[in-house]
Amino acid sequence: MGYSARRGFTSGSMKPTGAARQAEMQQRIAEMQEQMNSTQEAIEAQEFTASVGGGVVEAKVNGKKEVLSINIKPEAVDPEDVEMLQDLVVSAVNEALRQAGEAMEQGMNKVTNGLNLGVFGF
């Protein structure tokens, strides 16, 4: 056991104390939160487009999962088969939303290295 004016009595080990480890962990968590926020903002600003039916219906959403636009080519409009057009619109929107959700999940996984933070409310 040694003595230092700065550290007091030590066992010769320079291991951080419990308080120092906790402060370091809190700093890492704060950094991760900051990275998650910036990643989320970047993905929310992106646009995701999906087209179905050979390109006759196209949906565009943003990373916030808001529908930005729906484009329907005239050849997709058949007054005798409105249900088909409705199905195409739903499919295009769902695919664009899936892409946005997948991008957000991948972005968060990069920040957290795959750590499931859902239990902490993230």
N, C-alpha and C. Protein backbone atom coordinates (compact mmCIF):
# COMPACT_ATOMS: atom_id res chain seq x y z
N MET A 1 0.86 -1.16 0.00
CA MET A 1 0.00 0.00 0.00
C MET A 1 0.90 1.22 0.00
N GLY A 2 0.58 2.17 -0.89
CA GLY A 2 1.38 3.39 -0.98
C GLY A 2 0.56 4.60 -0.60
N TYR A 3 1.25 5.73 -0.45
CA TYR A 3 0.56 6.97 -0.12
C TYR A 3 0.92 8.03 -1.15
N SER A 4 -0.07 8.76 -1.57
CA SER A 4 0.13 9.87 -2.49
C SER A 4 -0.67 11.04 -1.96
N ALA A 5 -0.11 12.24 -2.05
CA ALA A 5 -0.82 13.42 -1.58
C ALA A 5 -2.11 13.63 -2.38
N ARG A 6 -2.12 13.23 -3.61
CA ARG A 6 -3.32 13.39 -4.44
C ARG A 6 -4.34 12.29 -4.24
N ARG A 7 -3.85 11.06 -4.11
CA ARG A 7 -4.77 9.92 -4.06
C ARG A 7 -4.93 9.33 -2.67
N GLY A 8 -4.17 9.77 -1.74
CA GLY A 8 -4.25 9.16 -0.42
C GLY A 8 -3.60 7.79 -0.43
N PHE A 9 -4.05 6.92 0.45
CA PHE A 9 -3.51 5.57 0.51
C PHE A 9 -4.10 4.74 -0.62
N THR A 10 -3.25 4.05 -1.34
CA THR A 10 -3.69 3.20 -2.44
C THR A 10 -3.02 1.84 -2.31
N SER A 11 -3.58 0.89 -2.99
CA SER A 11 -3.00 -0.44 -3.00
C SER A 11 -2.03 -0.59 -4.17
N GLY A 12 -1.66 0.53 -4.76
CA GLY A 12 -0.75 0.50 -5.90
C GLY A 12 -1.49 0.39 -7.22
N SER A 13 -2.79 0.21 -7.14
CA SER A 13 -3.61 0.08 -8.34
C SER A 13 -4.16 1.44 -8.74
N MET A 14 -4.22 1.69 -10.02
CA MET A 14 -4.75 2.95 -10.52
C MET A 14 -6.16 2.75 -11.08
N LYS A 15 -6.87 1.75 -10.60
CA LYS A 15 -8.23 1.49 -11.07
C LYS A 15 -9.15 2.62 -10.64
N PRO A 16 -10.06 3.02 -11.52
CA PRO A 16 -10.98 4.10 -11.14
C PRO A 16 -11.94 3.65 -10.05
N THR A 17 -12.35 4.59 -9.24
CA THR A 17 -13.30 4.29 -8.17
C THR A 17 -14.68 4.08 -8.76
N GLY A 18 -15.61 3.64 -7.93
CA GLY A 18 -16.98 3.44 -8.38
C GLY A 18 -17.59 4.72 -8.92
N ALA A 19 -17.33 5.83 -8.24
CA ALA A 19 -17.86 7.12 -8.69
C ALA A 19 -17.26 7.52 -10.04
N ALA A 20 -15.98 7.26 -10.22
CA ALA A 20 -15.33 7.60 -11.49
C ALA A 20 -15.89 6.74 -12.62
N ARG A 21 -16.11 5.46 -12.34
CA ARG A 21 -16.69 4.57 -13.36
C ARG A 21 -18.10 5.02 -13.71
N GLN A 22 -18.87 5.41 -12.71
CA GLN A 22 -20.23 5.87 -12.96
C GLN A 22 -20.22 7.16 -13.79
N ALA A 23 -19.34 8.08 -13.48
CA ALA A 23 -19.24 9.32 -14.25
C ALA A 23 -18.84 9.03 -15.69
N GLU A 24 -17.92 8.09 -15.87
CA GLU A 24 -17.49 7.71 -17.22
C GLU A 24 -18.65 7.09 -17.99
N MET A 25 -19.42 6.23 -17.32
CA MET A 25 -20.57 5.58 -17.96
C MET A 25 -21.63 6.62 -18.32
N GLN A 26 -21.88 7.57 -17.45
CA GLN A 26 -22.85 8.62 -17.74
C GLN A 26 -22.40 9.45 -18.94
N GLN A 27 -21.10 9.71 -19.04
CA GLN A 27 -20.57 10.45 -20.18
C GLN A 27 -20.77 9.66 -21.47
N ARG A 28 -20.51 8.37 -21.43
CA ARG A 28 -20.72 7.53 -22.62
C ARG A 28 -22.18 7.50 -23.03
N ILE A 29 -23.07 7.42 -22.04
CA ILE A 29 -24.51 7.39 -22.33
C ILE A 29 -24.93 8.72 -22.96
N ALA A 30 -24.42 9.83 -22.42
CA ALA A 30 -24.75 11.14 -22.97
C ALA A 30 -24.26 11.26 -24.42
N GLU A 31 -23.07 10.76 -24.70
CA GLU A 31 -22.53 10.78 -26.06
C GLU A 31 -23.38 9.94 -26.99
N MET A 32 -23.79 8.75 -26.51
CA MET A 32 -24.62 7.87 -27.32
C MET A 32 -25.97 8.53 -27.60
N GLN A 33 -26.54 9.17 -26.60
CA GLN A 33 -27.81 9.86 -26.79
C GLN A 33 -27.68 10.96 -27.84
N GLU A 34 -26.59 11.69 -27.78
CA GLU A 34 -26.36 12.75 -28.76
C GLU A 34 -26.24 12.18 -30.17
N GLN A 35 -25.51 11.07 -30.29
CA GLN A 35 -25.37 10.42 -31.60
C GLN A 35 -26.72 9.91 -32.09
N MET A 36 -27.51 9.35 -31.19
CA MET A 36 -28.83 8.84 -31.57
C MET A 36 -29.72 9.98 -32.06
N ASN A 37 -29.68 11.11 -31.36
CA ASN A 37 -30.50 12.26 -31.76
C ASN A 37 -30.09 12.78 -33.13
N SER A 38 -28.78 12.89 -33.36
CA SER A 38 -28.35 13.41 -34.66
C SER A 38 -28.65 12.41 -35.78
N THR A 39 -28.51 11.12 -35.50
CA THR A 39 -28.85 10.09 -36.49
C THR A 39 -30.34 10.14 -36.80
N GLN A 40 -31.15 10.26 -35.76
CA GLN A 40 -32.60 10.33 -35.96
C GLN A 40 -32.98 11.54 -36.80
N GLU A 41 -32.40 12.69 -36.51
CA GLU A 41 -32.70 13.91 -37.28
C GLU A 41 -32.30 13.74 -38.74
N ALA A 42 -31.14 13.12 -38.98
CA ALA A 42 -30.68 12.92 -40.36
C ALA A 42 -31.63 11.99 -41.12
N ILE A 43 -32.08 10.93 -40.48
CA ILE A 43 -32.98 9.98 -41.15
C ILE A 43 -34.36 10.60 -41.35
N GLU A 44 -34.82 11.37 -40.38
CA GLU A 44 -36.12 12.02 -40.52
C GLU A 44 -36.14 12.99 -41.69
N ALA A 45 -35.00 13.55 -42.05
CA ALA A 45 -34.91 14.50 -43.16
C ALA A 45 -34.87 13.79 -44.52
N GLN A 46 -34.59 12.50 -44.52
CA GLN A 46 -34.50 11.75 -45.78
C GLN A 46 -35.89 11.46 -46.34
N GLU A 47 -35.92 11.20 -47.64
CA GLU A 47 -37.16 10.80 -48.31
C GLU A 47 -37.01 9.38 -48.84
N PHE A 48 -38.10 8.63 -48.77
CA PHE A 48 -38.11 7.24 -49.21
C PHE A 48 -39.25 7.07 -50.21
N THR A 49 -38.93 6.47 -51.35
CA THR A 49 -39.91 6.33 -52.42
C THR A 49 -40.07 4.85 -52.76
N ALA A 50 -41.31 4.46 -52.95
CA ALA A 50 -41.60 3.09 -53.39
C ALA A 50 -42.61 3.16 -54.51
N SER A 51 -42.42 2.32 -55.51
CA SER A 51 -43.40 2.25 -56.60
C SER A 51 -43.84 0.80 -56.75
N VAL A 52 -45.10 0.65 -57.14
CA VAL A 52 -45.68 -0.69 -57.31
C VAL A 52 -46.46 -0.72 -58.62
N GLY A 53 -46.88 -1.90 -58.97
CA GLY A 53 -47.68 -2.06 -60.19
C GLY A 53 -46.91 -1.68 -61.44
N GLY A 54 -45.63 -2.01 -61.45
CA GLY A 54 -44.82 -1.67 -62.61
C GLY A 54 -44.55 -0.18 -62.72
N GLY A 55 -44.64 0.51 -61.59
CA GLY A 55 -44.34 1.94 -61.57
C GLY A 55 -45.54 2.85 -61.79
N VAL A 56 -46.75 2.29 -61.82
CA VAL A 56 -47.92 3.13 -62.06
C VAL A 56 -48.36 3.89 -60.82
N VAL A 57 -47.98 3.40 -59.64
CA VAL A 57 -48.29 4.09 -58.39
C VAL A 57 -46.99 4.24 -57.61
N GLU A 58 -46.74 5.48 -57.17
CA GLU A 58 -45.52 5.77 -56.43
C GLU A 58 -45.89 6.56 -55.18
N ALA A 59 -45.28 6.17 -54.04
CA ALA A 59 -45.50 6.88 -52.78
C ALA A 59 -44.16 7.38 -52.26
N LYS A 60 -44.17 8.59 -51.73
CA LYS A 60 -42.96 9.16 -51.14
C LYS A 60 -43.27 9.54 -49.70
N VAL A 61 -42.41 9.10 -48.77
CA VAL A 61 -42.55 9.43 -47.36
C VAL A 61 -41.22 9.97 -46.85
N ASN A 62 -41.27 10.61 -45.69
CA ASN A 62 -40.01 11.03 -45.08
C ASN A 62 -39.68 10.11 -43.91
N GLY A 63 -38.54 10.35 -43.29
CA GLY A 63 -38.11 9.51 -42.18
C GLY A 63 -38.98 9.64 -40.95
N LYS A 64 -39.83 10.66 -40.92
CA LYS A 64 -40.79 10.81 -39.81
C LYS A 64 -42.03 9.97 -40.06
N LYS A 65 -42.01 9.24 -41.18
CA LYS A 65 -43.11 8.38 -41.61
C LYS A 65 -44.36 9.20 -41.94
N GLU A 66 -44.13 10.35 -42.57
CA GLU A 66 -45.21 11.18 -43.07
C GLU A 66 -45.28 11.02 -44.58
N VAL A 67 -46.47 10.84 -45.13
CA VAL A 67 -46.63 10.71 -46.57
C VAL A 67 -46.44 12.09 -47.19
N LEU A 68 -45.49 12.18 -48.13
CA LEU A 68 -45.20 13.45 -48.80
C LEU A 68 -45.96 13.59 -50.11
N SER A 69 -46.06 12.48 -50.84
CA SER A 69 -46.78 12.54 -52.11
C SER A 69 -47.17 11.14 -52.58
N ILE A 70 -48.20 11.14 -53.40
CA ILE A 70 -48.66 9.93 -54.08
C ILE A 70 -48.78 10.30 -55.55
N ASN A 71 -48.11 9.55 -56.42
CA ASN A 71 -48.20 9.78 -57.86
C ASN A 71 -48.86 8.57 -58.50
N ILE A 72 -49.89 8.85 -59.29
CA ILE A 72 -50.63 7.78 -59.96
C ILE A 72 -50.64 8.10 -61.45
N LYS A 73 -50.11 7.18 -62.23
CA LYS A 73 -50.12 7.36 -63.69
C LYS A 73 -51.54 7.10 -64.21
N PRO A 74 -51.93 7.81 -65.25
CA PRO A 74 -53.29 7.68 -65.79
C PRO A 74 -53.68 6.24 -66.13
N GLU A 75 -52.71 5.46 -66.60
CA GLU A 75 -53.05 4.08 -66.99
C GLU A 75 -53.44 3.21 -65.79
N ALA A 76 -53.17 3.68 -64.57
CA ALA A 76 -53.55 2.92 -63.38
C ALA A 76 -55.02 3.15 -63.01
N VAL A 77 -55.62 4.17 -63.60
CA VAL A 77 -56.99 4.52 -63.25
C VAL A 77 -57.97 3.78 -64.17
N ASP A 78 -58.67 2.86 -63.58
CA ASP A 78 -59.70 2.10 -64.29
C ASP A 78 -60.99 2.23 -63.48
N PRO A 79 -61.95 3.00 -63.99
CA PRO A 79 -63.19 3.20 -63.23
C PRO A 79 -63.91 1.90 -62.87
N GLU A 80 -63.61 0.86 -63.62
CA GLU A 80 -64.25 -0.44 -63.36
C GLU A 80 -63.53 -1.21 -62.24
N ASP A 81 -62.32 -0.77 -61.88
CA ASP A 81 -61.54 -1.52 -60.87
C ASP A 81 -60.84 -0.56 -59.90
N VAL A 82 -61.63 0.20 -59.18
CA VAL A 82 -61.10 1.16 -58.21
C VAL A 82 -60.37 0.44 -57.08
N GLU A 83 -60.84 -0.73 -56.71
CA GLU A 83 -60.20 -1.47 -55.62
C GLU A 83 -58.74 -1.80 -55.92
N MET A 84 -58.45 -2.10 -57.17
CA MET A 84 -57.07 -2.40 -57.57
C MET A 84 -56.19 -1.18 -57.33
N LEU A 85 -56.66 -0.01 -57.71
CA LEU A 85 -55.91 1.23 -57.50
C LEU A 85 -55.71 1.49 -56.01
N GLN A 86 -56.73 1.28 -55.23
CA GLN A 86 -56.62 1.47 -53.78
C GLN A 86 -55.56 0.53 -53.19
N ASP A 87 -55.59 -0.72 -53.64
CA ASP A 87 -54.60 -1.69 -53.16
C ASP A 87 -53.18 -1.27 -53.54
N LEU A 88 -53.02 -0.75 -54.76
CA LEU A 88 -51.70 -0.31 -55.21
C LEU A 88 -51.20 0.86 -54.35
N VAL A 89 -52.08 1.80 -54.05
CA VAL A 89 -51.70 2.95 -53.22
C VAL A 89 -51.29 2.48 -51.83
N VAL A 90 -52.07 1.61 -51.24
CA VAL A 90 -51.74 1.08 -49.91
C VAL A 90 -50.40 0.35 -49.94
N SER A 91 -50.18 -0.45 -50.96
CA SER A 91 -48.91 -1.18 -51.07
C SER A 91 -47.72 -0.24 -51.19
N ALA A 92 -47.86 0.77 -52.02
CA ALA A 92 -46.75 1.72 -52.21
C ALA A 92 -46.45 2.47 -50.93
N VAL A 93 -47.49 2.93 -50.24
CA VAL A 93 -47.29 3.66 -48.98
C VAL A 93 -46.65 2.76 -47.94
N ASN A 94 -47.16 1.55 -47.81
CA ASN A 94 -46.60 0.63 -46.81
C ASN A 94 -45.14 0.29 -47.10
N GLU A 95 -44.79 0.13 -48.35
CA GLU A 95 -43.40 -0.18 -48.70
C GLU A 95 -42.49 1.00 -48.40
N ALA A 96 -42.93 2.21 -48.72
CA ALA A 96 -42.12 3.40 -48.43
C ALA A 96 -41.95 3.57 -46.92
N LEU A 97 -43.01 3.33 -46.16
CA LEU A 97 -42.93 3.42 -44.70
C LEU A 97 -42.00 2.34 -44.13
N ARG A 98 -42.04 1.15 -44.72
CA ARG A 98 -41.15 0.08 -44.29
C ARG A 98 -39.70 0.48 -44.51
N GLN A 99 -39.41 1.09 -45.67
CA GLN A 99 -38.05 1.54 -45.96
C GLN A 99 -37.60 2.58 -44.95
N ALA A 100 -38.47 3.52 -44.61
CA ALA A 100 -38.13 4.56 -43.63
C ALA A 100 -37.87 3.94 -42.26
N GLY A 101 -38.71 3.01 -41.86
CA GLY A 101 -38.51 2.34 -40.57
C GLY A 101 -37.24 1.53 -40.53
N GLU A 102 -36.94 0.85 -41.62
CA GLU A 102 -35.72 0.06 -41.70
C GLU A 102 -34.48 0.95 -41.63
N ALA A 103 -34.53 2.10 -42.30
CA ALA A 103 -33.40 3.03 -42.26
C ALA A 103 -33.18 3.55 -40.84
N MET A 104 -34.26 3.84 -40.13
CA MET A 104 -34.15 4.33 -38.75
C MET A 104 -33.56 3.24 -37.86
N GLU A 105 -34.03 2.02 -38.02
CA GLU A 105 -33.54 0.91 -37.22
C GLU A 105 -32.05 0.67 -37.47
N GLN A 106 -31.66 0.68 -38.74
CA GLN A 106 -30.25 0.48 -39.07
C GLN A 106 -29.39 1.61 -38.52
N GLY A 107 -29.88 2.84 -38.62
CA GLY A 107 -29.13 3.98 -38.10
C GLY A 107 -28.93 3.88 -36.60
N MET A 108 -29.98 3.49 -35.88
CA MET A 108 -29.87 3.36 -34.42
C MET A 108 -28.96 2.19 -34.05
N ASN A 109 -29.03 1.10 -34.83
CA ASN A 109 -28.16 -0.04 -34.54
C ASN A 109 -26.69 0.32 -34.71
N LYS A 110 -26.38 1.19 -35.67
CA LYS A 110 -25.00 1.63 -35.85
C LYS A 110 -24.52 2.40 -34.62
N VAL A 111 -25.38 3.25 -34.09
CA VAL A 111 -25.02 4.06 -32.93
C VAL A 111 -24.86 3.20 -31.68
N THR A 112 -25.79 2.26 -31.50
CA THR A 112 -25.80 1.45 -30.27
C THR A 112 -25.06 0.13 -30.41
N ASN A 113 -24.49 -0.13 -31.57
CA ASN A 113 -23.82 -1.41 -31.85
C ASN A 113 -24.75 -2.59 -31.59
N GLY A 114 -26.02 -2.41 -31.92
CA GLY A 114 -27.01 -3.48 -31.79
C GLY A 114 -27.55 -3.67 -30.40
N LEU A 115 -27.16 -2.83 -29.44
CA LEU A 115 -27.62 -2.94 -28.06
C LEU A 115 -29.09 -2.57 -28.03
N ASN A 116 -29.92 -3.41 -27.43
CA ASN A 116 -31.37 -3.14 -27.33
C ASN A 116 -31.61 -2.17 -26.18
N LEU A 117 -31.87 -0.91 -26.52
CA LEU A 117 -32.09 0.11 -25.49
C LEU A 117 -33.57 0.33 -25.21
N GLY A 118 -34.43 -0.50 -25.77
CA GLY A 118 -35.86 -0.37 -25.56
C GLY A 118 -36.25 -0.49 -24.09
N VAL A 119 -35.51 -1.29 -23.35
CA VAL A 119 -35.80 -1.45 -21.93
C VAL A 119 -35.54 -0.19 -21.15
N PHE A 120 -34.76 0.73 -21.71
CA PHE A 120 -34.46 1.99 -21.04
C PHE A 120 -35.34 3.13 -21.54
N GLY A 121 -36.26 2.83 -22.45
CA GLY A 121 -37.15 3.84 -22.98
C GLY A 121 -36.62 4.58 -24.18
N PHE A 122 -35.55 4.07 -24.81
CA PHE A 122 -34.99 4.73 -26.01
C PHE A 122 -35.65 4.20 -27.25
